[in-house]
Protein backbone atom coordinates (compact mmCIF):
# COMPACT_ATOMS: atom_id res chain seq x y z
CA MET A 1 8.43 -5.32 6.45
CA LEU A 2 4.72 -4.95 5.09
CA VAL A 3 3.45 -6.13 1.40
CA LEU A 4 0.14 -4.81 0.57
CA CYS A 5 -1.27 -5.63 -3.06
CA THR A 6 -4.59 -4.88 -4.64
CA ALA A 7 -5.86 -6.32 -8.12
CA LEU A 8 -9.09 -5.15 -9.68
CA SER A 9 -9.54 -7.40 -12.59
CA GLU A 10 -12.26 -5.45 -13.78
CA LEU A 11 -10.05 -2.81 -14.70
CA GLY A 12 -6.71 -4.18 -15.60
CA PHE A 13 -5.40 -2.92 -12.52
CA GLU A 14 -2.89 -4.06 -9.88
CA LEU A 15 -1.08 -1.99 -7.26
CA HIS A 16 1.72 -3.56 -4.98
CA SER A 17 3.42 -1.16 -2.38
CA VAL A 18 6.18 -2.55 -0.12
CA TYR A 19 6.94 -1.05 3.41
CA VAL A 20 10.11 -1.81 5.29
CA GLY A 21 11.31 -0.21 8.00
CA HIS A 22 12.78 -0.74 11.61
CA PRO A 23 13.07 1.50 14.73
CA GLY A 24 15.21 4.19 14.08
CA ILE A 25 15.30 4.42 10.78
CA ALA A 26 13.58 5.90 7.82
CA THR A 27 10.91 3.70 6.22
CA TYR A 28 11.31 2.65 2.75
CA VAL A 29 8.47 2.48 0.59
CA THR A 30 7.95 0.96 -2.74
CA HIS A 31 4.84 1.28 -5.13
CA LEU A 32 4.60 -0.89 -8.55
CA ALA A 33 1.17 0.07 -10.60
CA LEU A 34 0.49 -2.47 -13.38
CA SER A 35 -2.55 -1.58 -15.78
CA GLY A 36 -3.38 -2.58 -19.22
CA PRO A 37 -4.43 -3.13 -21.96
CA PRO A 38 -1.91 -1.98 -23.23
CA SER A 39 0.48 -2.80 -20.55
CA GLN A 40 1.66 -0.12 -18.47
CA ALA A 41 4.23 -0.49 -15.59
CA ALA A 42 4.83 2.75 -13.55
CA GLY A 43 7.41 2.12 -10.45
CA GLU A 44 8.92 4.40 -7.44
CA THR A 45 10.80 4.01 -4.53
CA MET A 46 11.14 6.70 -1.42
CA ALA A 47 11.97 7.19 1.84
CA ARG A 48 9.58 8.08 4.48
CA ARG A 49 10.30 9.64 8.29
CA GLU A 50 9.87 6.52 10.58
CA ALA A 51 7.55 8.96 12.47
CA ASP A 52 5.23 9.12 9.39
CA LEU A 53 5.44 5.14 8.56
CA PRO A 54 6.39 3.21 11.28
CA VAL A 55 5.88 -0.03 9.68
CA LEU A 56 6.28 -2.04 13.41
CA PHE A 57 4.17 -0.18 15.42
CA ALA A 58 1.45 1.42 12.88
CA ARG A 59 0.76 -0.72 9.99
CA ARG A 60 -2.45 0.94 10.22
CA ARG A 61 -0.84 3.83 8.58
CA CYS A 62 1.29 1.87 5.74
CA LEU A 63 -2.62 0.96 4.71
CA PHE A 64 -4.00 4.25 4.43
CA ASP A 65 -0.87 4.95 2.46
CA HIS A 66 -1.36 1.96 -0.06
CA LEU A 67 -5.23 2.97 -0.11
CA GLN A 68 -4.09 6.71 -0.85
CA ARG A 69 -1.70 5.67 -3.67
CA LEU A 70 -4.45 3.00 -5.12
CA GLN A 71 -7.22 6.22 -5.33
CA ASP A 72 -4.24 8.93 -7.03
CA GLU A 73 -3.31 5.91 -9.60
CA LEU A 74 -6.80 5.22 -10.09
CA THR A 75 -7.82 8.76 -10.91
CA GLY A 76 -5.26 9.30 -12.95
CA LEU A 77 -6.36 6.90 -15.21
CA GLY A 78 -9.88 8.69 -15.43
CA HIS A 79 -11.40 6.32 -12.57
CA GLN A 80 -13.68 7.44 -9.88
CA ALA A 81 -12.07 6.07 -7.31
CA GLY A 82 -14.32 5.91 -3.85
CA ILE A 83 -12.26 3.70 -1.70
CA GLU A 84 -14.14 2.77 1.64
CA VAL A 85 -12.44 0.32 4.42
CA ASP A 86 -14.25 -1.05 7.27
CA ASP A 87 -13.10 -0.73 10.77
CA SER A 88 -12.39 -4.56 11.23
CA SER A 89 -10.70 -4.92 8.01
CA VAL A 90 -7.97 -2.51 9.55
CA SER A 91 -8.00 -4.45 12.68
CA GLU A 92 -7.08 -7.67 11.05
CA LEU A 93 -3.97 -6.33 9.82
CA GLU A 94 -2.88 -5.11 13.22
CA ARG A 95 -3.90 -8.59 14.90
CA PRO A 96 -0.83 -10.37 16.26
CA SER A 97 -1.79 -13.23 14.20
CA SER A 98 -0.73 -11.39 11.57
CA LEU A 99 2.60 -10.35 12.36
CA ARG A 100 4.79 -13.79 11.23
CA PRO A 101 8.02 -13.57 11.75
CA LEU A 102 10.28 -15.25 8.42
């Protein structure tokens, strides 16, 4: 499982993405977008092919999926979204110390 959250307080916007997967089965993705005022919430859950978003072996793809959803949501709200991510931030997500067993 991987949970990614982005909060942009200056825009009153949050995106929470949860990726649940296991080798050999589909990855289940839930996105919850919160914005306001006025307070609005939109959620979506979908299954994605394991090859597209392998949670255990390519978490970087989950991050890019989250960022694409973030950009799409902000564009839908009328904001220009130019999201830049440096490689060190992406590498941090894949470091062994960030993989913690429950």
